[in-house]
Amino acid sequence: MSAARFVVSGKVQGVFFRASARDRALALGLRGFAKNLPDGRVEVLAAGDDAAIDELAAWLREGPPMARVDDLERMPARDDEAGEGFVTG
């Protein structure tokens, strides 16, 4: 088990990015959250299987159809930050 924090830049708010990220993360068996940041970016924290986190990262680079991802930052995170389930905020 591991965890990663992602910050996604581009047209990522108001395009169902968080809900789509939640759906993808849950399908991959991940825990964590996706939330809007005040500067227009989205933060995603995911914990679980390394391969599932990598698969989520690949999806985050594209996002849902209405999104435009300009940049994806990946940073280490602690597993205990993820909580239970996967929530949006």
PDB file of N, CA and C in Angstrom:
ATOM      1  N   MET A   1       0.845  -1.187   0.000  1.00  0.00           N
ATOM      2  CA  MET A   1       0.000   0.000   0.000  1.00  0.00           C
ATOM      3  C   MET A   1       0.884   1.241   0.000  1.00  0.00           C
ATOM      4  N   SER A   2       0.455   2.194  -0.781  1.00  0.00           N
ATOM      5  CA  SER A   2       1.155   3.472  -0.801  1.00  0.00           C
ATOM      6  C   SER A   2       0.134   4.572  -1.046  1.00  0.00           C
ATOM      7  N   ALA A   3       0.605   5.791  -1.104  1.00  0.00           N
ATOM      8  CA  ALA A   3      -0.286   6.927  -1.326  1.00  0.00           C
ATOM      9  C   ALA A   3       0.442   7.988  -2.140  1.00  0.00           C
ATOM     10  N   ALA A   4      -0.330   8.761  -2.894  1.00  0.00           N
ATOM     11  CA  ALA A   4       0.226   9.852  -3.691  1.00  0.00           C
ATOM     12  C   ALA A   4      -0.753  11.012  -3.711  1.00  0.00           C
ATOM     13  N   ARG A   5      -0.198  12.212  -3.753  1.00  0.00           N
ATOM     14  CA  ARG A   5      -0.988  13.438  -3.874  1.00  0.00           C
ATOM     15  C   ARG A   5      -0.725  14.005  -5.265  1.00  0.00           C
ATOM     16  N   PHE A   6      -1.797  14.396  -5.944  1.00  0.00           N
ATOM     17  CA  PHE A   6      -1.701  14.972  -7.275  1.00  0.00           C
ATOM     18  C   PHE A   6      -2.319  16.365  -7.258  1.00  0.00           C
ATOM     19  N   VAL A   7      -1.734  17.268  -8.008  1.00  0.00           N
ATOM     20  CA  VAL A   7      -2.335  18.577  -8.230  1.00  0.00           C
ATOM     21  C   VAL A   7      -2.454  18.733  -9.743  1.00  0.00           C
ATOM     22  N   VAL A   8      -3.697  18.935 -10.193  1.00  0.00           N
ATOM     23  CA  VAL A   8      -4.008  18.972 -11.617  1.00  0.00           C
ATOM     24  C   VAL A   8      -4.345  20.405 -12.016  1.00  0.00           C
ATOM     25  N   SER A   9      -3.677  20.913 -13.047  1.00  0.00           N
ATOM     26  CA  SER A   9      -3.889  22.280 -13.531  1.00  0.00           C
ATOM     27  C   SER A   9      -4.517  22.248 -14.920  1.00  0.00           C
ATOM     28  N   GLY A  10      -5.250  23.286 -15.234  1.00  0.00           N
ATOM     29  CA  GLY A  10      -5.882  23.427 -16.541  1.00  0.00           C
ATOM     30  C   GLY A  10      -7.347  23.759 -16.357  1.00  0.00           C
ATOM     31  N   LYS A  11      -8.157  23.356 -17.305  1.00  0.00           N
ATOM     32  CA  LYS A  11      -9.610  23.531 -17.189  1.00  0.00           C
ATOM     33  C   LYS A  11     -10.135  22.290 -16.462  1.00  0.00           C
ATOM     34  N   VAL A  12     -10.085  22.351 -15.124  1.00  0.00           N
ATOM     35  CA  VAL A  12     -10.393  21.173 -14.312  1.00  0.00           C
ATOM     36  C   VAL A  12     -11.475  21.439 -13.267  1.00  0.00           C
ATOM     37  N   GLN A  13     -12.004  22.638 -13.224  1.00  0.00           N
ATOM     38  CA  GLN A  13     -13.125  22.922 -12.332  1.00  0.00           C
ATOM     39  C   GLN A  13     -14.350  23.225 -13.182  1.00  0.00           C
ATOM     40  N   GLY A  14     -15.505  22.722 -12.739  1.00  0.00           N
ATOM     41  CA  GLY A  14     -16.745  22.939 -13.478  1.00  0.00           C
ATOM     42  C   GLY A  14     -16.920  22.008 -14.671  1.00  0.00           C
ATOM     43  N   VAL A  15     -16.131  20.924 -14.716  1.00  0.00           N
ATOM     44  CA  VAL A  15     -16.200  19.981 -15.840  1.00  0.00           C
ATOM     45  C   VAL A  15     -16.335  18.532 -15.340  1.00  0.00           C
ATOM     46  N   PHE A  16     -16.844  18.362 -14.132  1.00  0.00           N
ATOM     47  CA  PHE A  16     -17.046  17.041 -13.514  1.00  0.00           C
ATOM     48  C   PHE A  16     -15.743  16.292 -13.267  1.00  0.00           C
ATOM     49  N   PHE A  17     -14.652  17.033 -13.086  1.00  0.00           N
ATOM     50  CA  PHE A  17     -13.352  16.400 -12.870  1.00  0.00           C
ATOM     51  C   PHE A  17     -13.333  15.630 -11.560  1.00  0.00           C
ATOM     52  N   ARG A  18     -13.771  16.251 -10.465  1.00  0.00           N
ATOM     53  CA  ARG A  18     -13.726  15.582  -9.155  1.00  0.00           C
ATOM     54  C   ARG A  18     -14.602  14.343  -9.125  1.00  0.00           C
ATOM     55  N   ALA A  19     -15.826  14.451  -9.623  1.00  0.00           N
ATOM     56  CA  ALA A  19     -16.734  13.301  -9.622  1.00  0.00           C
ATOM     57  C   ALA A  19     -16.192  12.178 -10.499  1.00  0.00           C
ATOM     58  N   SER A  20     -15.636  12.535 -11.638  1.00  0.00           N
ATOM     59  CA  SER A  20     -15.069  11.523 -12.530  1.00  0.00           C
ATOM     60  C   SER A  20     -13.838  10.872 -11.908  1.00  0.00           C
ATOM     61  N   ALA A  21     -13.009  11.678 -11.233  1.00  0.00           N
ATOM     62  CA  ALA A  21     -11.834  11.132 -10.546  1.00  0.00           C
ATOM     63  C   ALA A  21     -12.270  10.184  -9.434  1.00  0.00           C
ATOM     64  N   ARG A  22     -13.318  10.549  -8.697  1.00  0.00           N
ATOM     65  CA  ARG A  22     -13.850   9.681  -7.642  1.00  0.00           C
ATOM     66  C   ARG A  22     -14.317   8.354  -8.235  1.00  0.00           C
ATOM     67  N   ASP A  23     -15.076   8.411  -9.312  1.00  0.00           N
ATOM     68  CA  ASP A  23     -15.579   7.186  -9.941  1.00  0.00           C
ATOM     69  C   ASP A  23     -14.427   6.294 -10.394  1.00  0.00           C
ATOM     70  N   ARG A  24     -13.412   6.893 -11.006  1.00  0.00           N
ATOM     71  CA  ARG A  24     -12.264   6.114 -11.486  1.00  0.00           C
ATOM     72  C   ARG A  24     -11.500   5.517 -10.297  1.00  0.00           C
ATOM     73  N   ALA A  25     -11.281   6.309  -9.254  1.00  0.00           N
ATOM     74  CA  ALA A  25     -10.551   5.824  -8.080  1.00  0.00           C
ATOM     75  C   ALA A  25     -11.294   4.671  -7.399  1.00  0.00           C
ATOM     76  N   LEU A  26     -12.597   4.808  -7.250  1.00  0.00           N
ATOM     77  CA  LEU A  26     -13.382   3.743  -6.629  1.00  0.00           C
ATOM     78  C   LEU A  26     -13.334   2.471  -7.468  1.00  0.00           C
ATOM     79  N   ALA A  27     -13.400   2.604  -8.786  1.00  0.00           N
ATOM     80  CA  ALA A  27     -13.319   1.443  -9.670  1.00  0.00           C
ATOM     81  C   ALA A  27     -11.964   0.743  -9.533  1.00  0.00           C
ATOM     82  N   LEU A  28     -10.940   1.503  -9.172  1.00  0.00           N
ATOM     83  CA  LEU A  28      -9.598   0.955  -8.998  1.00  0.00           C
ATOM     84  C   LEU A  28      -9.344   0.476  -7.571  1.00  0.00           C
ATOM     85  N   GLY A  29     -10.326   0.641  -6.690  1.00  0.00           N
ATOM     86  CA  GLY A  29     -10.178   0.196  -5.304  1.00  0.00           C
ATOM     87  C   GLY A  29      -9.342   1.117  -4.443  1.00  0.00           C
ATOM     88  N   LEU A  30      -9.292   2.399  -4.802  1.00  0.00           N
ATOM     89  CA  LEU A  30      -8.483   3.365  -4.063  1.00  0.00           C
ATOM     90  C   LEU A  30      -9.313   4.121  -3.030  1.00  0.00           C
ATOM     91  N   ARG A  31      -8.636   4.623  -2.004  1.00  0.00           N
ATOM     92  CA  ARG A  31      -9.233   5.504  -1.000  1.00  0.00           C
ATOM     93  C   ARG A  31      -8.639   6.894  -1.191  1.00  0.00           C
ATOM     94  N   GLY A  32      -9.361   7.923  -0.729  1.00  0.00           N
ATOM     95  CA  GLY A  32      -8.801   9.259  -0.780  1.00  0.00           C
ATOM     96  C   GLY A  32      -9.831  10.324  -1.027  1.00  0.00           C
ATOM     97  N   PHE A  33      -9.411  11.384  -1.735  1.00  0.00           N
ATOM     98  CA  PHE A  33     -10.323  12.490  -1.997  1.00  0.00           C
ATOM     99  C   PHE A  33      -9.892  13.258  -3.233  1.00  0.00           C
ATOM    100  N   ALA A  34     -10.835  14.042  -3.755  1.00  0.00           N
ATOM    101  CA  ALA A  34     -10.570  15.003  -4.824  1.00  0.00           C
ATOM    102  C   ALA A  34     -11.253  16.289  -4.407  1.00  0.00           C
ATOM    103  N   LYS A  35     -10.519  17.395  -4.413  1.00  0.00           N
ATOM    104  CA  LYS A  35     -11.123  18.664  -4.011  1.00  0.00           C
ATOM    105  C   LYS A  35     -10.603  19.804  -4.866  1.00  0.00           C
ATOM    106  N   ASN A  36     -11.475  20.798  -5.042  1.00  0.00           N
ATOM    107  CA  ASN A  36     -11.086  22.009  -5.748  1.00  0.00           C
ATOM    108  C   ASN A  36     -10.166  22.837  -4.860  1.00  0.00           C
ATOM    109  N   LEU A  37      -9.190  23.476  -5.465  1.00  0.00           N
ATOM    110  CA  LEU A  37      -8.327  24.422  -4.766  1.00  0.00           C
ATOM    111  C   LEU A  37      -8.749  25.834  -5.157  1.00  0.00           C
ATOM    112  N   PRO A  38      -8.521  26.804  -4.286  1.00  0.00           N
ATOM    113  CA  PRO A  38      -8.963  28.178  -4.565  1.00  0.00           C
ATOM    114  C   PRO A  38      -8.359  28.779  -5.841  1.00  0.00           C
ATOM    115  N   ASP A  39      -7.206  28.276  -6.281  1.00  0.00           N
ATOM    116  CA  ASP A  39      -6.538  28.851  -7.455  1.00  0.00           C
ATOM    117  C   ASP A  39      -6.982  28.215  -8.776  1.00  0.00           C
ATOM    118  N   GLY A  40      -8.027  27.353  -8.742  1.00  0.00           N
ATOM    119  CA  GLY A  40      -8.554  26.767  -9.961  1.00  0.00           C
ATOM    120  C   GLY A  40      -8.028  25.375 -10.269  1.00  0.00           C
ATOM    121  N   ARG A  41      -7.081  24.889  -9.481  1.00  0.00           N
ATOM    122  CA  ARG A  41      -6.569  23.539  -9.676  1.00  0.00           C
ATOM    123  C   ARG A  41      -7.397  22.549  -8.868  1.00  0.00           C
ATOM    124  N   VAL A  42      -7.160  21.258  -9.081  1.00  0.00           N
ATOM    125  CA  VAL A  42      -7.803  20.194  -8.315  1.00  0.00           C
ATOM    126  C   VAL A  42      -6.718  19.376  -7.640  1.00  0.00           C
ATOM    127  N   GLU A  43      -6.927  19.082  -6.355  1.00  0.00           N
ATOM    128  CA  GLU A  43      -6.024  18.211  -5.598  1.00  0.00           C
ATOM    129  C   GLU A  43      -6.679  16.844  -5.457  1.00  0.00           C
ATOM    130  N   VAL A  44      -5.900  15.807  -5.718  1.00  0.00           N
ATOM    131  CA  VAL A  44      -6.378  14.429  -5.568  1.00  0.00           C
ATOM    132  C   VAL A  44      -5.377  13.686  -4.704  1.00  0.00           C
ATOM    133  N   LEU A  45      -5.865  13.022  -3.666  1.00  0.00           N
ATOM    134  CA  LEU A  45      -5.035  12.155  -2.852  1.00  0.00           C
ATOM    135  C   LEU A  45      -5.584  10.744  -2.992  1.00  0.00           C
ATOM    136  N   ALA A  46      -4.716   9.799  -3.319  1.00  0.00           N
ATOM    137  CA  ALA A  46      -5.145   8.416  -3.522  1.00  0.00           C
ATOM    138  C   ALA A  46      -4.229   7.478  -2.756  1.00  0.00           C
ATOM    139  N   ALA A  47      -4.825   6.485  -2.102  1.00  0.00           N
ATOM    140  CA  ALA A  47      -4.065   5.485  -1.358  1.00  0.00           C
ATOM    141  C   ALA A  47      -4.553   4.102  -1.757  1.00  0.00           C
ATOM    142  N   GLY A  48      -3.614   3.176  -1.863  1.00  0.00           N
ATOM    143  CA  GLY A  48      -3.963   1.801  -2.210  1.00  0.00           C
ATOM    144  C   GLY A  48      -2.819   1.139  -2.949  1.00  0.00           C
ATOM    145  N   ASP A  49      -3.171   0.239  -3.831  1.00  0.00           N
ATOM    146  CA  ASP A  49      -2.214  -0.523  -4.616  1.00  0.00           C
ATOM    147  C   ASP A  49      -1.411   0.395  -5.545  1.00  0.00           C
ATOM    148  N   ASP A  50      -0.105   0.167  -5.620  1.00  0.00           N
ATOM    149  CA  ASP A  50       0.772   1.002  -6.461  1.00  0.00           C
ATOM    150  C   ASP A  50       0.326   1.042  -7.918  1.00  0.00           C
ATOM    151  N   ALA A  51      -0.027  -0.119  -8.473  1.00  0.00           N
ATOM    152  CA  ALA A  51      -0.444  -0.165  -9.878  1.00  0.00           C
ATOM    153  C   ALA A  51      -1.735   0.616 -10.098  1.00  0.00           C
ATOM    154  N   ALA A  52      -2.649   0.554  -9.128  1.00  0.00           N
ATOM    155  CA  ALA A  52      -3.908   1.298  -9.240  1.00  0.00           C
ATOM    156  C   ALA A  52      -3.652   2.799  -9.171  1.00  0.00           C
ATOM    157  N   ILE A  53      -2.727   3.227  -8.311  1.00  0.00           N
ATOM    158  CA  ILE A  53      -2.387   4.653  -8.229  1.00  0.00           C
ATOM    159  C   ILE A  53      -1.769   5.113  -9.553  1.00  0.00           C
ATOM    160  N   ASP A  54      -0.901   4.299 -10.131  1.00  0.00           N
ATOM    161  CA  ASP A  54      -0.304   4.647 -11.426  1.00  0.00           C
ATOM    162  C   ASP A  54      -1.371   4.745 -12.510  1.00  0.00           C
ATOM    163  N   GLU A  55      -2.358   3.847 -12.466  1.00  0.00           N
ATOM    164  CA  GLU A  55      -3.444   3.889 -13.454  1.00  0.00           C
ATOM    165  C   GLU A  55      -4.292   5.146 -13.277  1.00  0.00           C
ATOM    166  N   LEU A  56      -4.551   5.519 -12.018  1.00  0.00           N
ATOM    167  CA  LEU A  56      -5.278   6.769 -11.770  1.00  0.00           C
ATOM    168  C   LEU A  56      -4.465   7.958 -12.273  1.00  0.00           C
ATOM    169  N   ALA A  57      -3.164   7.951 -12.044  1.00  0.00           N
ATOM    170  CA  ALA A  57      -2.303   9.041 -12.518  1.00  0.00           C
ATOM    171  C   ALA A  57      -2.398   9.198 -14.029  1.00  0.00           C
ATOM    172  N   ALA A  58      -2.397   8.083 -14.745  1.00  0.00           N
ATOM    173  CA  ALA A  58      -2.525   8.147 -16.210  1.00  0.00           C
ATOM    174  C   ALA A  58      -3.862   8.758 -16.594  1.00  0.00           C
ATOM    175  N   TRP A  59      -4.931   8.396 -15.878  1.00  0.00           N
ATOM    176  CA  TRP A  59      -6.247   8.967 -16.167  1.00  0.00           C
ATOM    177  C   TRP A  59      -6.262  10.461 -15.849  1.00  0.00           C
ATOM    178  N   LEU A  60      -5.636  10.862 -14.739  1.00  0.00           N
ATOM    179  CA  LEU A  60      -5.620  12.279 -14.350  1.00  0.00           C
ATOM    180  C   LEU A  60      -4.936  13.147 -15.402  1.00  0.00           C
ATOM    181  N   ARG A  61      -4.003  12.599 -16.145  1.00  0.00           N
ATOM    182  CA  ARG A  61      -3.317  13.363 -17.205  1.00  0.00           C
ATOM    183  C   ARG A  61      -4.269  13.755 -18.325  1.00  0.00           C
ATOM    184  N   GLU A  62      -5.366  13.000 -18.466  1.00  0.00           N
ATOM    185  CA  GLU A  62      -6.370  13.266 -19.506  1.00  0.00           C
ATOM    186  C   GLU A  62      -7.639  13.882 -18.925  1.00  0.00           C
ATOM    187  N   GLY A  63      -8.144  13.304 -17.828  1.00  0.00           N
ATOM    188  CA  GLY A  63      -9.376  13.777 -17.204  1.00  0.00           C
ATOM    189  C   GLY A  63     -10.606  13.410 -18.020  1.00  0.00           C
ATOM    190  N   PRO A  64     -11.765  13.891 -17.577  1.00  0.00           N
ATOM    191  CA  PRO A  64     -13.006  13.618 -18.308  1.00  0.00           C
ATOM    192  C   PRO A  64     -13.055  14.416 -19.611  1.00  0.00           C
ATOM    193  N   PRO A  65     -14.016  14.101 -20.482  1.00  0.00           N
ATOM    194  CA  PRO A  65     -14.052  14.711 -21.826  1.00  0.00           C
ATOM    195  C   PRO A  65     -14.051  16.240 -21.859  1.00  0.00           C
ATOM    196  N   MET A  66     -14.727  16.908 -20.929  1.00  0.00           N
ATOM    197  CA  MET A  66     -14.818  18.369 -20.986  1.00  0.00           C
ATOM    198  C   MET A  66     -13.609  19.074 -20.376  1.00  0.00           C
ATOM    199  N   ALA A  67     -12.719  18.325 -19.744  1.00  0.00           N
ATOM    200  CA  ALA A  67     -11.551  18.918 -19.082  1.00  0.00           C
ATOM    201  C   ALA A  67     -10.404  19.117 -20.066  1.00  0.00           C
ATOM    202  N   ARG A  68      -9.479  19.984 -19.658  1.00  0.00           N
ATOM    203  CA  ARG A  68      -8.216  20.158 -20.368  1.00  0.00           C
ATOM    204  C   ARG A  68      -7.122  20.179 -19.301  1.00  0.00           C
ATOM    205  N   VAL A  69      -6.282  19.180 -19.279  1.00  0.00           N
ATOM    206  CA  VAL A  69      -5.219  19.096 -18.282  1.00  0.00           C
ATOM    207  C   VAL A  69      -3.952  19.686 -18.884  1.00  0.00           C
ATOM    208  N   ASP A  70      -3.450  20.741 -18.236  1.00  0.00           N
ATOM    209  CA  ASP A  70      -2.212  21.380 -18.676  1.00  0.00           C
ATOM    210  C   ASP A  70      -0.993  20.841 -17.940  1.00  0.00           C
ATOM    211  N   ASP A  71      -1.184  20.443 -16.667  1.00  0.00           N
ATOM    212  CA  ASP A  71      -0.053  19.977 -15.869  1.00  0.00           C
ATOM    213  C   ASP A  71      -0.558  19.049 -14.776  1.00  0.00           C
ATOM    214  N   LEU A  72       0.250  18.056 -14.445  1.00  0.00           N
ATOM    215  CA  LEU A  72      -0.049  17.135 -13.354  1.00  0.00           C
ATOM    216  C   LEU A  72       1.193  17.000 -12.495  1.00  0.00           C
ATOM    217  N   GLU A  73       1.091  17.419 -11.250  1.00  0.00           N
ATOM    218  CA  GLU A  73       2.179  17.256 -10.290  1.00  0.00           C
ATOM    219  C   GLU A  73       1.863  16.039  -9.432  1.00  0.00           C
ATOM    220  N   ARG A  74       2.873  15.230  -9.143  1.00  0.00           N
ATOM    221  CA  ARG A  74       2.702  14.065  -8.269  1.00  0.00           C
ATOM    222  C   ARG A  74       3.694  14.167  -7.124  1.00  0.00           C
ATOM    223  N   MET A  75       3.182  14.004  -5.899  1.00  0.00           N
ATOM    224  CA  MET A  75       4.002  14.078  -4.706  1.00  0.00           C
ATOM    225  C   MET A  75       3.685  12.893  -3.801  1.00  0.00           C
ATOM    226  N   PRO A  76       4.616  12.489  -2.970  1.00  0.00           N
ATOM    227  CA  PRO A  76       4.307  11.419  -2.021  1.00  0.00           C
ATOM    228  C   PRO A  76       3.291  11.902  -0.986  1.00  0.00           C
ATOM    229  N   ALA A  77       2.557  10.972  -0.424  1.00  0.00           N
ATOM    230  CA  ALA A  77       1.585  11.275   0.630  1.00  0.00           C
ATOM    231  C   ALA A  77       1.605  10.130   1.632  1.00  0.00           C
ATOM    232  N   ARG A  78       0.972  10.356   2.760  1.00  0.00           N
ATOM    233  CA  ARG A  78       0.854   9.316   3.781  1.00  0.00           C
ATOM    234  C   ARG A  78      -0.476   8.589   3.608  1.00  0.00           C
ATOM    235  N   ASP A  79      -0.466   7.292   3.755  1.00  0.00           N
ATOM    236  CA  ASP A  79      -1.661   6.466   3.625  1.00  0.00           C
ATOM    237  C   ASP A  79      -2.763   6.922   4.579  1.00  0.00           C
ATOM    238  N   ASP A  80      -2.392   7.349   5.781  1.00  0.00           N
ATOM    239  CA  ASP A  80      -3.401   7.728   6.782  1.00  0.00           C
ATOM    240  C   ASP A  80      -4.116   9.039   6.447  1.00  0.00           C
ATOM    241  N   GLU A  81      -3.653   9.769   5.457  1.00  0.00           N
ATOM    242  CA  GLU A  81      -4.333  10.987   5.017  1.00  0.00           C
ATOM    243  C   GLU A  81      -5.569  10.680   4.178  1.00  0.00           C
ATOM    244  N   ALA A  82      -5.670   9.456   3.663  1.00  0.00           N
ATOM    245  CA  ALA A  82      -6.706   9.110   2.690  1.00  0.00           C
ATOM    246  C   ALA A  82      -8.078   8.881   3.321  1.00  0.00           C
ATOM    247  N   GLY A  83      -8.143   8.456   4.567  1.00  0.00           N
ATOM    248  CA  GLY A  83      -9.421   8.163   5.174  1.00  0.00           C
ATOM    249  C   GLY A  83     -10.046   6.912   4.578  1.00  0.00           C
ATOM    250  N   GLU A  84     -11.353   6.795   4.719  1.00  0.00           N
ATOM    251  CA  GLU A  84     -12.093   5.639   4.186  1.00  0.00           C
ATOM    252  C   GLU A  84     -12.874   6.062   2.942  1.00  0.00           C
ATOM    253  N   GLY A  85     -12.998   5.179   1.982  1.00  0.00           N
ATOM    254  CA  GLY A  85     -13.730   5.494   0.769  1.00  0.00           C
ATOM    255  C   GLY A  85     -13.011   6.525  -0.064  1.00  0.00           C
ATOM    256  N   PHE A  86     -13.728   7.159  -0.957  1.00  0.00           N
ATOM    257  CA  PHE A  86     -13.176   8.223  -1.792  1.00  0.00           C
ATOM    258  C   PHE A  86     -14.208   9.317  -1.882  1.00  0.00           C
ATOM    259  N   VAL A  87     -13.872  10.510  -1.416  1.00  0.00           N
ATOM    260  CA  VAL A  87     -14.847  11.595  -1.317  1.00  0.00           C
ATOM    261  C   VAL A  87     -14.426  12.781  -2.164  1.00  0.00           C
ATOM    262  N   THR A  88     -15.386  13.634  -2.475  1.00  0.00           N
ATOM    263  CA  THR A  88     -15.089  14.897  -3.146  1.00  0.00           C
ATOM    264  C   THR A  88     -15.398  16.020  -2.176  1.00  0.00           C
ATOM    265  N   GLY A  89     -14.678  17.091  -2.306  1.00  0.00           N
ATOM    266  CA  GLY A  89     -14.895  18.215  -1.402  1.00  0.00           C
ATOM    267  C   GLY A  89     -14.664  19.524  -2.091  1.00  0.00           C
TER     268      GLY A  89
END
